Protein backbone atom coordinates (compact mmCIF):
# COMPACT_ATOMS: atom_id res chain seq x y z
CA UNK A 1 -27.81 37.06 12.02
CA UNK A 2 -25.91 35.60 9.22
CA UNK A 3 -24.31 32.40 10.07
CA UNK A 4 -20.88 31.58 8.64
CA UNK A 5 -21.28 27.89 7.29
CA UNK A 6 -17.50 26.88 7.64
CA UNK A 7 -17.95 28.08 11.46
CA UNK A 8 -21.08 25.94 11.89
CA UNK A 9 -19.26 22.89 10.14
CA UNK A 10 -16.36 23.21 12.46
CA UNK A 11 -18.71 23.44 15.42
CA UNK A 12 -20.78 20.58 14.56
CA UNK A 13 -17.66 18.43 14.00
CA UNK A 14 -16.36 19.24 17.28
CA UNK A 15 -19.62 18.38 19.16
CA UNK A 16 -19.49 14.81 17.40
CA UNK A 17 -15.85 14.60 18.23
CA UNK A 18 -16.49 15.52 22.12
CA UNK A 19 -19.77 13.16 21.99
CA UNK A 20 -17.20 10.33 21.09
CA UNK A 21 -19.44 9.69 17.35
CA UNK A 22 -17.22 7.86 15.05
CA UNK A 23 -15.71 9.74 12.18
CA UNK A 24 -14.24 8.51 8.93
CA UNK A 25 -10.79 9.60 7.55
CA UNK A 26 -8.66 8.90 4.40
CA UNK A 27 -5.18 8.55 5.02
CA UNK A 28 -2.84 8.31 1.97
CA UNK A 29 0.47 7.02 2.11
CA UNK A 30 3.27 7.26 -0.49
CA UNK A 31 5.23 4.03 -0.59
CA UNK A 32 8.71 4.63 -1.78
CA UNK A 33 10.60 1.42 -2.87
CA UNK A 34 14.07 2.67 -2.65
CA UNK A 35 16.51 5.24 -0.92
CA UNK A 36 15.75 7.26 -4.41
CA UNK A 37 12.62 8.58 -5.61
CA UNK A 38 10.40 6.41 -8.01
CA UNK A 39 10.51 5.05 -10.55
CA UNK A 40 12.37 1.56 -9.52
CA UNK A 41 13.05 -1.58 -11.44
CA UNK A 42 11.98 -4.79 -9.81
CA UNK A 43 13.63 -7.54 -11.68
CA UNK A 44 15.19 -11.07 -12.00
CA UNK A 45 16.87 -9.85 -14.94
CA UNK A 46 19.35 -7.49 -13.59
CA UNK A 47 19.80 -9.10 -10.15
CA UNK A 48 18.27 -12.22 -7.99
CA UNK A 49 17.33 -10.29 -4.99
CA UNK A 50 13.74 -9.18 -3.95
CA UNK A 51 13.06 -5.48 -3.38
CA UNK A 52 11.93 -4.60 0.02
CA UNK A 53 11.22 -1.61 1.40
CA UNK A 54 10.58 -1.12 5.13
CA UNK A 55 7.80 1.35 5.59
CA UNK A 56 7.21 3.08 9.13
CA UNK A 57 4.19 5.02 9.44
CA UNK A 58 5.51 6.14 12.94
CA UNK A 59 7.58 8.65 11.27
CA UNK A 60 4.41 10.42 10.04
CA UNK A 61 3.34 13.12 12.76
CA UNK A 62 -0.61 12.72 11.34
CA UNK A 63 -0.04 8.83 11.56
CA UNK A 64 1.62 9.41 15.10
CA UNK A 65 -0.89 11.72 16.71
CA UNK A 66 -3.82 9.56 15.50
CA UNK A 67 -2.68 5.99 16.04
CA UNK A 68 -4.43 5.46 19.45
CA UNK A 69 -7.84 6.97 17.77
CA UNK A 70 -8.09 4.49 14.89
CA UNK A 71 -10.82 1.99 15.50
CA UNK A 72 -10.93 0.34 12.24
CA UNK A 73 -9.36 0.09 8.75
CA UNK A 74 -12.38 0.31 6.52
CA UNK A 75 -10.67 -0.24 2.99
CA UNK A 76 -7.43 -0.18 1.40
CA UNK A 77 -6.67 0.61 -2.34
CA UNK A 78 -3.98 1.28 -4.48
CA UNK A 79 -2.67 3.64 -7.35
CA UNK A 80 -0.33 1.91 -9.28
CA UNK A 81 1.79 2.54 -12.53
CA UNK A 82 3.88 0.01 -13.87
CA UNK A 83 5.63 -1.06 -16.88
CA UNK A 84 6.46 -4.90 -17.91
CA UNK A 85 9.83 -4.17 -19.57
CA UNK A 86 10.07 -7.69 -21.11
CA UNK A 87 7.99 -9.55 -24.14
CA UNK A 88 5.84 -11.80 -22.08
CA UNK A 89 3.04 -10.97 -20.04
CA UNK A 90 3.73 -11.10 -16.09
CA UNK A 91 1.29 -10.92 -13.09
CA UNK A 92 2.03 -8.36 -10.68
CA UNK A 93 1.79 -8.89 -7.11
CA UNK A 94 2.40 -7.35 -3.72
CA UNK A 95 3.44 -8.69 -0.54
CA UNK A 96 3.58 -7.32 2.80
CA UNK A 97 5.21 -8.71 5.97
CA UNK A 98 4.77 -7.41 9.70
CA UNK A 99 8.62 -8.35 10.42
CA UNK A 100 10.94 -5.87 9.14
CA UNK A 101 14.29 -7.67 9.75
CA UNK A 102 13.71 -10.42 7.19
CA UNK A 103 15.22 -10.21 3.82
CA UNK A 104 14.32 -12.83 1.29
CA UNK A 105 16.87 -13.88 -1.47
CA UNK A 106 14.34 -13.99 -4.37
CA UNK A 107 10.71 -13.59 -5.25
CA UNK A 108 9.95 -17.41 -4.68
CA UNK A 109 11.15 -17.02 -1.18
CA UNK A 110 9.12 -13.92 -0.83
CA UNK A 111 5.85 -16.06 -1.97
CA UNK A 112 6.66 -19.05 0.25
CA UNK A 113 7.51 -17.12 3.29
CA UNK A 114 5.23 -15.88 6.09
CA UNK A 115 4.39 -12.69 3.89
CA UNK A 116 0.96 -12.20 3.22
CA UNK A 117 0.00 -11.72 -0.44
CA UNK A 118 -2.23 -8.31 -0.54
CA UNK A 119 -2.57 -7.49 -4.22
CA UNK A 120 -2.34 -9.90 -7.03
CA UNK A 121 -3.98 -10.63 -10.33
CA UNK A 122 -2.94 -7.72 -12.24
CA UNK A 123 -1.57 -8.79 -16.10
CA UNK A 124 0.70 -6.29 -17.49
CA UNK A 125 0.93 -7.04 -21.06
CA UNK A 126 4.41 -7.56 -22.73
CA UNK A 127 6.57 -4.02 -23.40
CA UNK A 128 3.30 -2.26 -22.03
CA UNK A 129 2.40 0.14 -19.33
CA UNK A 130 -0.80 -0.23 -17.31
CA UNK A 131 -2.32 2.18 -14.52
CA UNK A 132 -4.56 0.75 -11.94
CA UNK A 133 -6.59 3.74 -9.87
CA UNK A 134 -7.99 3.24 -6.53
CA UNK A 135 -11.60 1.73 -7.72
CA UNK A 136 -9.98 -0.81 -10.08
CA UNK A 137 -7.40 -1.81 -7.10
CA UNK A 138 -10.41 -3.26 -5.21
CA UNK A 139 -10.44 -6.04 -7.81
CA UNK A 140 -6.53 -6.90 -6.82
CA UNK A 141 -6.80 -6.29 -3.09
CA UNK A 142 -6.43 -9.93 -0.86
CA UNK A 143 -6.29 -10.93 2.54
CA UNK A 144 -7.75 -7.77 3.95
CA UNK A 145 -7.55 -8.93 7.54
CA UNK A 146 -4.22 -9.57 7.59
CA UNK A 147 -3.27 -6.19 5.83
CA UNK A 148 -5.44 -4.60 8.62
CA UNK A 149 -3.28 -6.56 11.09
CA UNK A 150 -0.18 -5.51 9.70
CA UNK A 151 -0.94 -1.72 9.02
CA UNK A 152 -2.29 -1.13 12.72
CA UNK A 153 1.26 -1.55 14.06
CA UNK A 154 2.63 1.25 11.60
CA UNK A 155 5.59 -0.82 10.47
CA UNK A 156 6.11 -3.27 7.86
CA UNK A 157 7.90 -4.39 4.98
CA UNK A 158 6.46 -4.42 1.45
CA UNK A 159 7.84 -6.73 -1.63
CA UNK A 160 6.74 -6.02 -5.43
CA UNK A 161 7.21 -9.32 -7.52
CA UNK A 162 5.85 -11.02 -10.21
CA UNK A 163 4.82 -14.48 -11.87
CA UNK A 164 6.72 -16.03 -13.71
CA UNK A 165 8.98 -15.62 -10.37
CA UNK A 166 12.00 -16.62 -12.06
CA UNK A 167 11.58 -14.18 -15.39
CA UNK A 168 10.22 -10.34 -14.78
CA UNK A 169 11.21 -7.10 -14.99
CA UNK A 170 8.77 -4.59 -13.92
CA UNK A 171 9.39 -0.66 -13.53
CA UNK A 172 7.32 1.03 -10.81
CA UNK A 173 6.85 4.66 -11.76
CA UNK A 174 4.18 4.97 -8.79
CA UNK A 175 2.47 3.14 -5.95
CA UNK A 176 0.13 5.04 -3.35
CA UNK A 177 -1.70 3.22 -0.90
CA UNK A 178 -4.77 4.86 0.15
CA UNK A 179 -6.23 3.56 3.60
CA UNK A 180 -9.86 4.69 4.87
CA UNK A 181 -9.98 4.56 8.61
CA UNK A 182 -12.65 5.32 11.23
CA UNK A 183 -11.97 6.28 14.62
CA UNK A 184 -13.42 8.17 17.59
């Protein structure tokens, strides 16, 4: 008798799930930082307001269907493509906040507030574009316990800013958050 490999794999996976074994999956979230599609410019030059984007994973049917099955967030990475529009180098950062009702007036207020610094240390040279893949992003991710707590709720605000706080202009062409979860 010939065994269908795909059918055998499906049966094994179903048996493991029925037995309550832990499965690992990767969940990819594309974060849009404006009502319009990317790219978006984050700048103190064009205006003084911080860019805030509320992300609600609960709108995603996969997240909604599996939120109660998530046991742990194992790792978080990013894919980022960003351009420094000014001549001087900047250090790009991302902040995260569980409270989606707050609106900070500028980048310094974001950094001084209750937001959690989740991505830092990426230097973007003047007038250049950098691309950070998932593996590289691990070197810039910080505050993993805080990130986990915020992501588990499924709704949060994300703030992209840069240092120097009072003089930056960065265009974000792509930002994808890659979350690896375990569940059972």
